Amino acid sequence: MIAFSLAAALSLLWFGVHLFMGGRDVAAPLRASDLDPVVRDTSYLCWHLTSCSLLLIAVFFGLAAFAGEPAYAVAGTLLSTGFAVVGIAMTPLIKQSYAQLPQGWLFVPVTGLGLWALVS
């Protein structure tokens, strides 16, 4: 259960980073941009949907750790894996660097902790 707790804590950290750093560096400039309102507002909505998803990953791992329900960890691990795969694969596809967009790599240890806990 310690790996579930570590995965929950790390996921909660990434949620906090997203909320505070991302809010300042991404969401606020996005809202102030002169993009077409539909593009701007859709992107802003997606930022908030990501916030919910990140918090759910932490909640799923927390439930696995404290309620002893590994099914929650399966959900958290699958979501984390999705974030890792999309973040790692999309960065070069959109011709960006991992130095600028490292987010996908942040979920590799979360996924690893989830898998470790599920197989042990």
PDB file of N, CA and C in Angstrom:
ATOM      1  N   MET A   1       0.809  -1.198   0.000  1.00  0.00           N
ATOM      2  CA  MET A   1       0.000   0.000   0.000  1.00  0.00           C
ATOM      3  C   MET A   1       0.855   1.267   0.000  1.00  0.00           C
ATOM      4  N   ILE A   2       2.122   1.152   0.367  1.00  0.00           N
ATOM      5  CA  ILE A   2       2.984   2.329   0.389  1.00  0.00           C
ATOM      6  C   ILE A   2       3.154   2.912  -1.015  1.00  0.00           C
ATOM      7  N   ALA A   3       3.235   2.049  -2.022  1.00  0.00           N
ATOM      8  CA  ALA A   3       3.388   2.548  -3.396  1.00  0.00           C
ATOM      9  C   ALA A   3       2.137   3.293  -3.840  1.00  0.00           C
ATOM     10  N   PHE A   4       0.947   2.843  -3.413  1.00  0.00           N
ATOM     11  CA  PHE A   4      -0.284   3.574  -3.735  1.00  0.00           C
ATOM     12  C   PHE A   4      -0.248   4.952  -3.079  1.00  0.00           C
ATOM     13  N   SER A   5       0.215   5.000  -1.829  1.00  0.00           N
ATOM     14  CA  SER A   5       0.303   6.280  -1.119  1.00  0.00           C
ATOM     15  C   SER A   5       1.301   7.215  -1.790  1.00  0.00           C
ATOM     16  N   LEU A   6       2.442   6.672  -2.207  1.00  0.00           N
ATOM     17  CA  LEU A   6       3.435   7.496  -2.915  1.00  0.00           C
ATOM     18  C   LEU A   6       2.892   7.995  -4.245  1.00  0.00           C
ATOM     19  N   ALA A   7       2.182   7.132  -4.969  1.00  0.00           N
ATOM     20  CA  ALA A   7       1.576   7.541  -6.235  1.00  0.00           C
ATOM     21  C   ALA A   7       0.539   8.624  -6.002  1.00  0.00           C
ATOM     22  N   ALA A   8      -0.241   8.504  -4.933  1.00  0.00           N
ATOM     23  CA  ALA A   8      -1.241   9.527  -4.604  1.00  0.00           C
ATOM     24  C   ALA A   8      -0.560  10.853  -4.277  1.00  0.00           C
ATOM     25  N   ALA A   9       0.498  10.801  -3.474  1.00  0.00           N
ATOM     26  CA  ALA A   9       1.206  12.025  -3.088  1.00  0.00           C
ATOM     27  C   ALA A   9       1.850  12.695  -4.295  1.00  0.00           C
ATOM     28  N   LEU A  10       2.483  11.913  -5.136  1.00  0.00           N
ATOM     29  CA  LEU A  10       3.122  12.471  -6.324  1.00  0.00           C
ATOM     30  C   LEU A  10       2.079  13.043  -7.283  1.00  0.00           C
ATOM     31  N   SER A  11       0.976  12.355  -7.444  1.00  0.00           N
ATOM     32  CA  SER A  11      -0.107  12.856  -8.292  1.00  0.00           C
ATOM     33  C   SER A  11      -0.680  14.156  -7.747  1.00  0.00           C
ATOM     34  N   LEU A  12      -0.813  14.221  -6.440  1.00  0.00           N
ATOM     35  CA  LEU A  12      -1.308  15.451  -5.816  1.00  0.00           C
ATOM     36  C   LEU A  12      -0.321  16.602  -6.016  1.00  0.00           C
ATOM     37  N   LEU A  13       0.962  16.291  -5.969  1.00  0.00           N
ATOM     38  CA  LEU A  13       1.981  17.303  -6.253  1.00  0.00           C
ATOM     39  C   LEU A  13       1.834  17.820  -7.677  1.00  0.00           C
ATOM     40  N   TRP A  14       1.670  16.918  -8.655  1.00  0.00           N
ATOM     41  CA  TRP A  14       1.529  17.351 -10.053  1.00  0.00           C
ATOM     42  C   TRP A  14       0.242  18.153 -10.242  1.00  0.00           C
ATOM     43  N   PHE A  15      -0.817  17.800  -9.513  1.00  0.00           N
ATOM     44  CA  PHE A  15      -2.048  18.601  -9.550  1.00  0.00           C
ATOM     45  C   PHE A  15      -1.761  20.017  -9.048  1.00  0.00           C
ATOM     46  N   GLY A  16      -1.025  20.117  -7.953  1.00  0.00           N
ATOM     47  CA  GLY A  16      -0.687  21.439  -7.412  1.00  0.00           C
ATOM     48  C   GLY A  16       0.177  22.248  -8.362  1.00  0.00           C
ATOM     49  N   VAL A  17       1.152  21.601  -8.981  1.00  0.00           N
ATOM     50  CA  VAL A  17       1.999  22.281  -9.963  1.00  0.00           C
ATOM     51  C   VAL A  17       1.138  22.783 -11.121  1.00  0.00           C
ATOM     52  N   HIS A  18       0.260  21.930 -11.605  1.00  0.00           N
ATOM     53  CA  HIS A  18      -0.637  22.320 -12.695  1.00  0.00           C
ATOM     54  C   HIS A  18      -1.485  23.518 -12.284  1.00  0.00           C
ATOM     55  N   LEU A  19      -2.071  23.444 -11.108  1.00  0.00           N
ATOM     56  CA  LEU A  19      -2.998  24.471 -10.656  1.00  0.00           C
ATOM     57  C   LEU A  19      -2.303  25.817 -10.455  1.00  0.00           C
ATOM     58  N   PHE A  20      -1.173  25.813  -9.753  1.00  0.00           N
ATOM     59  CA  PHE A  20      -0.542  27.082  -9.404  1.00  0.00           C
ATOM     60  C   PHE A  20       0.412  27.589 -10.485  1.00  0.00           C
ATOM     61  N   MET A  21       1.340  26.753 -10.927  1.00  0.00           N
ATOM     62  CA  MET A  21       2.264  27.190 -11.974  1.00  0.00           C
ATOM     63  C   MET A  21       1.548  27.290 -13.316  1.00  0.00           C
ATOM     64  N   GLY A  22       0.749  26.287 -13.633  1.00  0.00           N
ATOM     65  CA  GLY A  22       0.007  26.304 -14.887  1.00  0.00           C
ATOM     66  C   GLY A  22      -1.023  27.416 -14.930  1.00  0.00           C
ATOM     67  N   GLY A  23      -1.620  27.686 -13.799  1.00  0.00           N
ATOM     68  CA  GLY A  23      -2.577  28.793 -13.745  1.00  0.00           C
ATOM     69  C   GLY A  23      -1.920  30.117 -14.068  1.00  0.00           C
ATOM     70  N   ARG A  24      -0.739  30.312 -13.512  1.00  0.00           N
ATOM     71  CA  ARG A  24       0.002  31.558 -13.735  1.00  0.00           C
ATOM     72  C   ARG A  24       0.616  31.613 -15.128  1.00  0.00           C
ATOM     73  N   ASP A  25       1.219  30.501 -15.545  1.00  0.00           N
ATOM     74  CA  ASP A  25       2.000  30.508 -16.790  1.00  0.00           C
ATOM     75  C   ASP A  25       1.207  30.143 -18.036  1.00  0.00           C
ATOM     76  N   VAL A  26       0.076  29.466 -17.871  1.00  0.00           N
ATOM     77  CA  VAL A  26      -0.681  29.004 -19.035  1.00  0.00           C
ATOM     78  C   VAL A  26      -2.107  29.569 -19.037  1.00  0.00           C
ATOM     79  N   ALA A  27      -2.860  29.309 -17.987  1.00  0.00           N
ATOM     80  CA  ALA A  27      -4.277  29.684 -17.990  1.00  0.00           C
ATOM     81  C   ALA A  27      -4.481  31.198 -18.028  1.00  0.00           C
ATOM     82  N   ALA A  28      -3.763  31.923 -17.209  1.00  0.00           N
ATOM     83  CA  ALA A  28      -3.941  33.385 -17.184  1.00  0.00           C
ATOM     84  C   ALA A  28      -3.566  34.026 -18.520  1.00  0.00           C
ATOM     85  N   PRO A  29      -2.395  33.708 -19.104  1.00  0.00           N
ATOM     86  CA  PRO A  29      -2.091  34.282 -20.421  1.00  0.00           C
ATOM     87  C   PRO A  29      -3.077  33.833 -21.504  1.00  0.00           C
ATOM     88  N   LEU A  30      -3.562  32.618 -21.392  1.00  0.00           N
ATOM     89  CA  LEU A  30      -4.542  32.128 -22.356  1.00  0.00           C
ATOM     90  C   LEU A  30      -5.808  32.986 -22.300  1.00  0.00           C
ATOM     91  N   ARG A  31      -6.297  33.233 -21.097  1.00  0.00           N
ATOM     92  CA  ARG A  31      -7.515  34.047 -20.940  1.00  0.00           C
ATOM     93  C   ARG A  31      -7.313  35.464 -21.461  1.00  0.00           C
ATOM     94  N   ALA A  32      -6.089  35.976 -21.352  1.00  0.00           N
ATOM     95  CA  ALA A  32      -5.803  37.350 -21.779  1.00  0.00           C
ATOM     96  C   ALA A  32      -5.449  37.438 -23.265  1.00  0.00           C
ATOM     97  N   SER A  33      -5.385  36.309 -23.948  1.00  0.00           N
ATOM     98  CA  SER A  33      -4.943  36.303 -25.345  1.00  0.00           C
ATOM     99  C   SER A  33      -6.029  36.842 -26.267  1.00  0.00           C
ATOM    100  N   ASP A  34      -5.603  37.168 -27.466  1.00  0.00           N
ATOM    101  CA  ASP A  34      -6.562  37.643 -28.473  1.00  0.00           C
ATOM    102  C   ASP A  34      -6.938  36.538 -29.469  1.00  0.00           C
ATOM    103  N   LEU A  35      -6.819  35.297 -29.028  1.00  0.00           N
ATOM    104  CA  LEU A  35      -7.279  34.177 -29.853  1.00  0.00           C
ATOM    105  C   LEU A  35      -8.773  34.302 -30.105  1.00  0.00           C
ATOM    106  N   ASP A  36      -9.232  33.651 -31.154  1.00  0.00           N
ATOM    107  CA  ASP A  36     -10.667  33.576 -31.391  1.00  0.00           C
ATOM    108  C   ASP A  36     -11.327  33.083 -30.094  1.00  0.00           C
ATOM    109  N   PRO A  37     -12.434  33.696 -29.672  1.00  0.00           N
ATOM    110  CA  PRO A  37     -13.047  33.314 -28.389  1.00  0.00           C
ATOM    111  C   PRO A  37     -13.377  31.825 -28.261  1.00  0.00           C
ATOM    112  N   VAL A  38     -13.790  31.180 -29.337  1.00  0.00           N
ATOM    113  CA  VAL A  38     -14.108  29.754 -29.253  1.00  0.00           C
ATOM    114  C   VAL A  38     -12.831  28.946 -28.999  1.00  0.00           C
ATOM    115  N   VAL A  39     -11.749  29.297 -29.668  1.00  0.00           N
ATOM    116  CA  VAL A  39     -10.472  28.603 -29.468  1.00  0.00           C
ATOM    117  C   VAL A  39      -9.958  28.871 -28.060  1.00  0.00           C
ATOM    118  N   ARG A  40      -9.978  30.131 -27.652  1.00  0.00           N
ATOM    119  CA  ARG A  40      -9.496  30.509 -26.314  1.00  0.00           C
ATOM    120  C   ARG A  40     -10.308  29.819 -25.225  1.00  0.00           C
ATOM    121  N   ASP A  41     -11.623  29.886 -25.349  1.00  0.00           N
ATOM    122  CA  ASP A  41     -12.474  29.337 -24.291  1.00  0.00           C
ATOM    123  C   ASP A  41     -12.472  27.815 -24.272  1.00  0.00           C
ATOM    124  N   THR A  42     -12.345  27.186 -25.422  1.00  0.00           N
ATOM    125  CA  THR A  42     -12.219  25.724 -25.467  1.00  0.00           C
ATOM    126  C   THR A  42     -10.914  25.298 -24.802  1.00  0.00           C
ATOM    127  N   SER A  43      -9.833  26.003 -25.088  1.00  0.00           N
ATOM    128  CA  SER A  43      -8.543  25.686 -24.461  1.00  0.00           C
ATOM    129  C   SER A  43      -8.605  25.894 -22.954  1.00  0.00           C
ATOM    130  N   TYR A  44      -9.265  26.944 -22.513  1.00  0.00           N
ATOM    131  CA  TYR A  44      -9.405  27.214 -21.086  1.00  0.00           C
ATOM    132  C   TYR A  44     -10.242  26.121 -20.409  1.00  0.00           C
ATOM    133  N   LEU A  45     -11.306  25.712 -21.076  1.00  0.00           N
ATOM    134  CA  LEU A  45     -12.115  24.618 -20.562  1.00  0.00           C
ATOM    135  C   LEU A  45     -11.286  23.343 -20.452  1.00  0.00           C
ATOM    136  N   CYS A  46     -10.482  23.050 -21.466  1.00  0.00           N
ATOM    137  CA  CYS A  46      -9.614  21.862 -21.439  1.00  0.00           C
ATOM    138  C   CYS A  46      -8.604  21.940 -20.301  1.00  0.00           C
ATOM    139  N   TRP A  47      -8.119  23.135 -19.998  1.00  0.00           N
ATOM    140  CA  TRP A  47      -7.197  23.301 -18.869  1.00  0.00           C
ATOM    141  C   TRP A  47      -7.895  22.878 -17.570  1.00  0.00           C
ATOM    142  N   HIS A  48      -9.153  23.292 -17.417  1.00  0.00           N
ATOM    143  CA  HIS A  48      -9.894  22.916 -16.209  1.00  0.00           C
ATOM    144  C   HIS A  48     -10.251  21.430 -16.193  1.00  0.00           C
ATOM    145  N   LEU A  49     -10.553  20.861 -17.353  1.00  0.00           N
ATOM    146  CA  LEU A  49     -10.808  19.426 -17.411  1.00  0.00           C
ATOM    147  C   LEU A  49      -9.553  18.641 -17.031  1.00  0.00           C
ATOM    148  N   THR A  50      -8.406  19.142 -17.447  1.00  0.00           N
ATOM    149  CA  THR A  50      -7.138  18.523 -17.054  1.00  0.00           C
ATOM    150  C   THR A  50      -6.958  18.619 -15.543  1.00  0.00           C
ATOM    151  N   SER A  51      -7.314  19.765 -14.969  1.00  0.00           N
ATOM    152  CA  SER A  51      -7.229  19.912 -13.507  1.00  0.00           C
ATOM    153  C   SER A  51      -8.042  18.823 -12.815  1.00  0.00           C
ATOM    154  N   CYS A  52      -9.263  18.620 -13.272  1.00  0.00           N
ATOM    155  CA  CYS A  52     -10.124  17.580 -12.680  1.00  0.00           C
ATOM    156  C   CYS A  52      -9.508  16.196 -12.845  1.00  0.00           C
ATOM    157  N   SER A  53      -8.977  15.923 -14.019  1.00  0.00           N
ATOM    158  CA  SER A  53      -8.379  14.612 -14.281  1.00  0.00           C
ATOM    159  C   SER A  53      -7.170  14.364 -13.385  1.00  0.00           C
ATOM    160  N   LEU A  54      -6.335  15.384 -13.213  1.00  0.00           N
ATOM    161  CA  LEU A  54      -5.149  15.238 -12.365  1.00  0.00           C
ATOM    162  C   LEU A  54      -5.543  14.982 -10.909  1.00  0.00           C
ATOM    163  N   LEU A  55      -6.551  15.692 -10.447  1.00  0.00           N
ATOM    164  CA  LEU A  55      -7.011  15.471  -9.081  1.00  0.00           C
ATOM    165  C   LEU A  55      -7.594  14.067  -8.939  1.00  0.00           C
ATOM    166  N   LEU A  56      -8.326  13.610  -9.941  1.00  0.00           N
ATOM    167  CA  LEU A  56      -8.895  12.253  -9.883  1.00  0.00           C
ATOM    168  C   LEU A  56      -7.819  11.176  -9.810  1.00  0.00           C
ATOM    169  N   ILE A  57      -6.712  11.371 -10.507  1.00  0.00           N
ATOM    170  CA  ILE A  57      -5.622  10.394 -10.421  1.00  0.00           C
ATOM    171  C   ILE A  57      -5.170  10.269  -8.969  1.00  0.00           C
ATOM    172  N   ALA A  58      -4.973  11.412  -8.306  1.00  0.00           N
ATOM    173  CA  ALA A  58      -4.552  11.392  -6.902  1.00  0.00           C
ATOM    174  C   ALA A  58      -5.620  10.749  -6.016  1.00  0.00           C
ATOM    175  N   VAL A  59      -6.873  11.074  -6.265  1.00  0.00           N
ATOM    176  CA  VAL A  59      -7.963  10.490  -5.475  1.00  0.00           C
ATOM    177  C   VAL A  59      -8.019   8.970  -5.671  1.00  0.00           C
ATOM    178  N   PHE A  60      -7.884   8.519  -6.916  1.00  0.00           N
ATOM    179  CA  PHE A  60      -7.917   7.068  -7.169  1.00  0.00           C
ATOM    180  C   PHE A  60      -6.808   6.347  -6.419  1.00  0.00           C
ATOM    181  N   PHE A  61      -5.593   6.886  -6.475  1.00  0.00           N
ATOM    182  CA  PHE A  61      -4.500   6.238  -5.755  1.00  0.00           C
ATOM    183  C   PHE A  61      -4.707   6.342  -4.241  1.00  0.00           C
ATOM    184  N   GLY A  62      -5.255   7.450  -3.783  1.00  0.00           N
ATOM    185  CA  GLY A  62      -5.556   7.595  -2.356  1.00  0.00           C
ATOM    186  C   GLY A  62      -6.581   6.574  -1.894  1.00  0.00           C
ATOM    187  N   LEU A  63      -7.613   6.370  -2.694  1.00  0.00           N
ATOM    188  CA  LEU A  63      -8.625   5.360  -2.351  1.00  0.00           C
ATOM    189  C   LEU A  63      -8.020   3.960  -2.350  1.00  0.00           C
ATOM    190  N   ALA A  64      -7.147   3.698  -3.298  1.00  0.00           N
ATOM    191  CA  ALA A  64      -6.476   2.389  -3.328  1.00  0.00           C
ATOM    192  C   ALA A  64      -5.645   2.189  -2.071  1.00  0.00           C
ATOM    193  N   ALA A  65      -4.972   3.249  -1.630  1.00  0.00           N
ATOM    194  CA  ALA A  65      -4.102   3.144  -0.456  1.00  0.00           C
ATOM    195  C   ALA A  65      -4.900   3.009   0.841  1.00  0.00           C
ATOM    196  N   PHE A  66      -5.939   3.811   0.985  1.00  0.00           N
ATOM    197  CA  PHE A  66      -6.617   3.890   2.279  1.00  0.00           C
ATOM    198  C   PHE A  66      -7.866   3.026   2.375  1.00  0.00           C
ATOM    199  N   ALA A  67      -8.470   2.695   1.241  1.00  0.00           N
ATOM    200  CA  ALA A  67      -9.639   1.812   1.265  1.00  0.00           C
ATOM    201  C   ALA A  67      -9.265   0.384   0.898  1.00  0.00           C
ATOM    202  N   GLY A  68      -8.008   0.196   0.464  1.00  0.00           N
ATOM    203  CA  GLY A  68      -7.562  -1.141   0.111  1.00  0.00           C
ATOM    204  C   GLY A  68      -8.240  -1.700  -1.127  1.00  0.00           C
ATOM    205  N   GLU A  69      -8.649  -0.827  -2.017  1.00  0.00           N
ATOM    206  CA  GLU A  69      -9.322  -1.236  -3.253  1.00  0.00           C
ATOM    207  C   GLU A  69      -8.391  -1.049  -4.439  1.00  0.00           C
ATOM    208  N   PRO A  70      -7.712  -2.092  -4.890  1.00  0.00           N
ATOM    209  CA  PRO A  70      -6.778  -1.952  -5.999  1.00  0.00           C
ATOM    210  C   PRO A  70      -7.435  -1.543  -7.319  1.00  0.00           C
ATOM    211  N   ALA A  71      -8.749  -1.749  -7.460  1.00  0.00           N
ATOM    212  CA  ALA A  71      -9.423  -1.340  -8.699  1.00  0.00           C
ATOM    213  C   ALA A  71      -9.273   0.158  -8.923  1.00  0.00           C
ATOM    214  N   TYR A  72      -9.252   0.919  -7.854  1.00  0.00           N
ATOM    215  CA  TYR A  72      -9.037   2.363  -7.991  1.00  0.00           C
ATOM    216  C   TYR A  72      -7.643   2.646  -8.553  1.00  0.00           C
ATOM    217  N   ALA A  73      -6.680   1.857  -8.131  1.00  0.00           N
ATOM    218  CA  ALA A  73      -5.310   2.041  -8.631  1.00  0.00           C
ATOM    219  C   ALA A  73      -5.211   1.698 -10.107  1.00  0.00           C
ATOM    220  N   VAL A  74      -6.011   0.758 -10.559  1.00  0.00           N
ATOM    221  CA  VAL A  74      -6.031   0.445 -11.997  1.00  0.00           C
ATOM    222  C   VAL A  74      -6.467   1.690 -12.759  1.00  0.00           C
ATOM    223  N   ALA A  75      -7.516   2.351 -12.286  1.00  0.00           N
ATOM    224  CA  ALA A  75      -7.997   3.571 -12.942  1.00  0.00           C
ATOM    225  C   ALA A  75      -6.927   4.663 -12.902  1.00  0.00           C
ATOM    226  N   GLY A  76      -6.310   4.854 -11.744  1.00  0.00           N
ATOM    227  CA  GLY A  76      -5.257   5.864 -11.624  1.00  0.00           C
ATOM    228  C   GLY A  76      -4.068   5.560 -12.512  1.00  0.00           C
ATOM    229  N   THR A  77      -3.688   4.300 -12.573  1.00  0.00           N
ATOM    230  CA  THR A  77      -2.543   3.904 -13.400  1.00  0.00           C
ATOM    231  C   THR A  77      -2.852   4.085 -14.879  1.00  0.00           C
ATOM    232  N   LEU A  78      -4.060   3.730 -15.293  1.00  0.00           N
ATOM    233  CA  LEU A  78      -4.430   3.909 -16.699  1.00  0.00           C
ATOM    234  C   LEU A  78      -4.456   5.389 -17.082  1.00  0.00           C
ATOM    235  N   LEU A  79      -5.031   6.215 -16.227  1.00  0.00           N
ATOM    236  CA  LEU A  79      -5.042   7.662 -16.515  1.00  0.00           C
ATOM    237  C   LEU A  79      -3.626   8.218 -16.559  1.00  0.00           C
ATOM    238  N   SER A  80      -2.814   7.827 -15.597  1.00  0.00           N
ATOM    239  CA  SER A  80      -1.430   8.290 -15.554  1.00  0.00           C
ATOM    240  C   SER A  80      -0.657   7.839 -16.788  1.00  0.00           C
ATOM    241  N   THR A  81      -0.884   6.605 -17.189  1.00  0.00           N
ATOM    242  CA  THR A  81      -0.228   6.088 -18.393  1.00  0.00           C
ATOM    243  C   THR A  81      -0.645   6.905 -19.613  1.00  0.00           C
ATOM    244  N   GLY A  82      -1.917   7.215 -19.702  1.00  0.00           N
ATOM    245  CA  GLY A  82      -2.399   8.033 -20.810  1.00  0.00           C
ATOM    246  C   GLY A  82      -1.737   9.395 -20.843  1.00  0.00           C
ATOM    247  N   PHE A  83      -1.619  10.038 -19.693  1.00  0.00           N
ATOM    248  CA  PHE A  83      -0.962  11.337 -19.620  1.00  0.00           C
ATOM    249  C   PHE A  83       0.509  11.220 -20.031  1.00  0.00           C
ATOM    250  N   ALA A  84       1.167  10.164 -19.585  1.00  0.00           N
ATOM    251  CA  ALA A  84       2.580   9.971 -19.934  1.00  0.00           C
ATOM    252  C   ALA A  84       2.740   9.738 -21.436  1.00  0.00           C
ATOM    253  N   VAL A  85       1.972   8.829 -21.981  1.00  0.00           N
ATOM    254  CA  VAL A  85       2.108   8.487 -23.402  1.00  0.00           C
ATOM    255  C   VAL A  85       1.789   9.691 -24.286  1.00  0.00           C
ATOM    256  N   VAL A  86       0.685  10.354 -24.024  1.00  0.00           N
ATOM    257  CA  VAL A  86       0.318  11.509 -24.845  1.00  0.00           C
ATOM    258  C   VAL A  86       1.347  12.618 -24.697  1.00  0.00           C
ATOM    259  N   GLY A  87       1.759  12.901 -23.462  1.00  0.00           N
ATOM    260  CA  GLY A  87       2.738  13.971 -23.248  1.00  0.00           C
ATOM    261  C   GLY A  87       4.083  13.699 -23.888  1.00  0.00           C
ATOM    262  N   ILE A  88       4.534  12.467 -23.811  1.00  0.00           N
ATOM    263  CA  ILE A  88       5.841  12.117 -24.384  1.00  0.00           C
ATOM    264  C   ILE A  88       5.754  12.035 -25.907  1.00  0.00           C
ATOM    265  N   ALA A  89       4.690  11.456 -26.426  1.00  0.00           N
ATOM    266  CA  ALA A  89       4.571  11.280 -27.877  1.00  0.00           C
ATOM    267  C   ALA A  89       4.255  12.589 -28.605  1.00  0.00           C
ATOM    268  N   MET A  90       3.401  13.412 -28.023  1.00  0.00           N
ATOM    269  CA  MET A  90       2.961  14.624 -28.721  1.00  0.00           C
ATOM    270  C   MET A  90       4.021  15.715 -28.780  1.00  0.00           C
ATOM    271  N   THR A  91       4.882  15.780 -27.786  1.00  0.00           N
ATOM    272  CA  THR A  91       5.854  16.878 -27.731  1.00  0.00           C
ATOM    273  C   THR A  91       6.700  16.964 -28.998  1.00  0.00           C
ATOM    274  N   PRO A  92       7.353  15.895 -29.441  1.00  0.00           N
ATOM    275  CA  PRO A  92       8.108  16.028 -30.693  1.00  0.00           C
ATOM    276  C   PRO A  92       7.201  16.183 -31.918  1.00  0.00           C
ATOM    277  N   LEU A  93       6.008  15.619 -31.860  1.00  0.00           N
ATOM    278  CA  LEU A  93       5.094  15.733 -33.002  1.00  0.00           C
ATOM    279  C   LEU A  93       4.663  17.179 -33.254  1.00  0.00           C
ATOM    280  N   ILE A  94       4.601  17.972 -32.188  1.00  0.00           N
ATOM    281  CA  ILE A  94       4.244  19.377 -32.361  1.00  0.00           C
ATOM    282  C   ILE A  94       5.490  20.267 -32.417  1.00  0.00           C
ATOM    283  N   LYS A  95       6.634  19.588 -32.603  1.00  0.00           N
ATOM    284  CA  LYS A  95       7.923  20.263 -32.774  1.00  0.00           C
ATOM    285  C   LYS A  95       8.281  21.152 -31.573  1.00  0.00           C
ATOM    286  N   GLN A  96       8.065  20.581 -30.391  1.00  0.00           N
ATOM    287  CA  GLN A  96       8.458  21.242 -29.152  1.00  0.00           C
ATOM    288  C   GLN A  96       9.553  20.413 -28.498  1.00  0.00           C
ATOM    289  N   SER A  97      10.170  20.986 -27.501  1.00  0.00           N
ATOM    290  CA  SER A  97      11.212  20.257 -26.765  1.00  0.00           C
ATOM    291  C   SER A  97      10.666  19.831 -25.410  1.00  0.00           C
ATOM    292  N   TYR A  98      11.256  18.773 -24.883  1.00  0.00           N
ATOM    293  CA  TYR A  98      10.879  18.334 -23.547  1.00  0.00           C
ATOM    294  C   TYR A  98      11.302  19.339 -22.490  1.00  0.00           C
ATOM    295  N   ALA A  99      12.274  20.162 -22.796  1.00  0.00           N
ATOM    296  CA  ALA A  99      12.661  21.223 -21.862  1.00  0.00           C
ATOM    297  C   ALA A  99      11.510  22.216 -21.690  1.00  0.00           C
ATOM    298  N   GLN A 100      10.759  22.447 -22.749  1.00  0.00           N
ATOM    299  CA  GLN A 100       9.624  23.362 -22.691  1.00  0.00           C
ATOM    300  C   GLN A 100       8.340  22.666 -22.238  1.00  0.00           C
ATOM    301  N   LEU A 101       8.184  21.409 -22.617  1.00  0.00           N
ATOM    302  CA  LEU A 101       6.971  20.649 -22.287  1.00  0.00           C
ATOM    303  C   LEU A 101       7.338  19.293 -21.673  1.00  0.00           C
ATOM    304  N   PRO A 102       7.770  19.295 -20.419  1.00  0.00           N
ATOM    305  CA  PRO A 102       8.190  18.038 -19.776  1.00  0.00           C
ATOM    306  C   PRO A 102       7.038  17.252 -19.148  1.00  0.00           C
ATOM    307  N   GLN A 103       5.814  17.737 -19.267  1.00  0.00           N
ATOM    308  CA  GLN A 103       4.699  17.196 -18.499  1.00  0.00           C
ATOM    309  C   GLN A 103       4.523  15.686 -18.632  1.00  0.00           C
ATOM    310  N   GLY A 104       4.668  15.147 -19.819  1.00  0.00           N
ATOM    311  CA  GLY A 104       4.471  13.707 -19.987  1.00  0.00           C
ATOM    312  C   GLY A 104       5.406  12.883 -19.126  1.00  0.00           C
ATOM    313  N   TRP A 105       6.635  13.347 -19.006  1.00  0.00           N
ATOM    314  CA  TRP A 105       7.632  12.605 -18.215  1.00  0.00           C
ATOM    315  C   TRP A 105       7.291  12.596 -16.725  1.00  0.00           C
ATOM    316  N   LEU A 106       6.509  13.576 -16.262  1.00  0.00           N
ATOM    317  CA  LEU A 106       6.159  13.630 -14.847  1.00  0.00           C
ATOM    318  C   LEU A 106       5.293  12.442 -14.434  1.00  0.00           C
ATOM    319  N   PHE A 107       4.597  11.854 -15.404  1.00  0.00           N
ATOM    320  CA  PHE A 107       3.678  10.772 -15.093  1.00  0.00           C
ATOM    321  C   PHE A 107       4.318   9.394 -15.194  1.00  0.00           C
ATOM    322  N   VAL A 108       5.538   9.326 -15.679  1.00  0.00           N
ATOM    323  CA  VAL A 108       6.232   8.032 -15.744  1.00  0.00           C
ATOM    324  C   VAL A 108       6.430   7.450 -14.338  1.00  0.00           C
ATOM    325  N   PRO A 109       6.937   8.231 -13.366  1.00  0.00           N
ATOM    326  CA  PRO A 109       7.073   7.639 -12.032  1.00  0.00           C
ATOM    327  C   PRO A 109       5.730   7.323 -11.371  1.00  0.00           C
ATOM    328  N   VAL A 110       4.705   8.113 -11.646  1.00  0.00           N
ATOM    329  CA  VAL A 110       3.377   7.812 -11.096  1.00  0.00           C
ATOM    330  C   VAL A 110       2.891   6.478 -11.647  1.00  0.00           C
ATOM    331  N   THR A 111       3.017   6.304 -12.960  1.00  0.00           N
ATOM    332  CA  THR A 111       2.625   5.043 -13.592  1.00  0.00           C
ATOM    333  C   THR A 111       3.449   3.884 -13.038  1.00  0.00           C
ATOM    334  N   GLY A 112       4.749   4.110 -12.892  1.00  0.00           N
ATOM    335  CA  GLY A 112       5.617   3.065 -12.342  1.00  0.00           C
ATOM    336  C   GLY A 112       5.207   2.660 -10.938  1.00  0.00           C
ATOM    337  N   LEU A 113       4.908   3.640 -10.097  1.00  0.00           N
ATOM    338  CA  LEU A 113       4.460   3.330  -8.738  1.00  0.00           C
ATOM    339  C   LEU A 113       3.138   2.556  -8.753  1.00  0.00           C
ATOM    340  N   GLY A 114       2.235   2.976  -9.629  1.00  0.00           N
ATOM    341  CA  GLY A 114       0.951   2.269  -9.728  1.00  0.00           C
ATOM    342  C   GLY A 114       1.142   0.826 -10.182  1.00  0.00           C
ATOM    343  N   LEU A 115       1.972   0.626 -11.202  1.00  0.00           N
ATOM    344  CA  LEU A 115       2.220  -0.743 -11.682  1.00  0.00           C
ATOM    345  C   LEU A 115       2.913  -1.575 -10.631  1.00  0.00           C
ATOM    346  N   TRP A 116       3.895  -0.989  -9.956  1.00  0.00           N
ATOM    347  CA  TRP A 116       4.630  -1.704  -8.912  1.00  0.00           C
ATOM    348  C   TRP A 116       3.669  -2.173  -7.818  1.00  0.00           C
ATOM    349  N   ALA A 117       2.791  -1.279  -7.387  1.00  0.00           N
ATOM    350  CA  ALA A 117       1.856  -1.625  -6.333  1.00  0.00           C
ATOM    351  C   ALA A 117       0.849  -2.686  -6.795  1.00  0.00           C
ATOM    352  N   LEU A 118       0.443  -2.598  -8.043  1.00  0.00           N
ATOM    353  CA  LEU A 118      -0.551  -3.555  -8.544  1.00  0.00           C
ATOM    354  C   LEU A 118       0.022  -4.960  -8.700  1.00  0.00           C
ATOM    355  N   VAL A 119       1.286  -5.077  -9.042  1.00  0.00           N
ATOM    356  CA  VAL A 119       1.862  -6.417  -9.223  1.00  0.00           C
ATOM    357  C   VAL A 119       2.471  -7.000  -7.950  1.00  0.00           C
ATOM    358  N   SER A 120       2.631  -6.177  -6.926  1.00  0.00           N
ATOM    359  CA  SER A 120       3.239  -6.707  -5.693  1.00  0.00           C
ATOM    360  C   SER A 120       2.197  -7.135  -4.678  1.00  0.00           C
TER     361      SER A 120
END
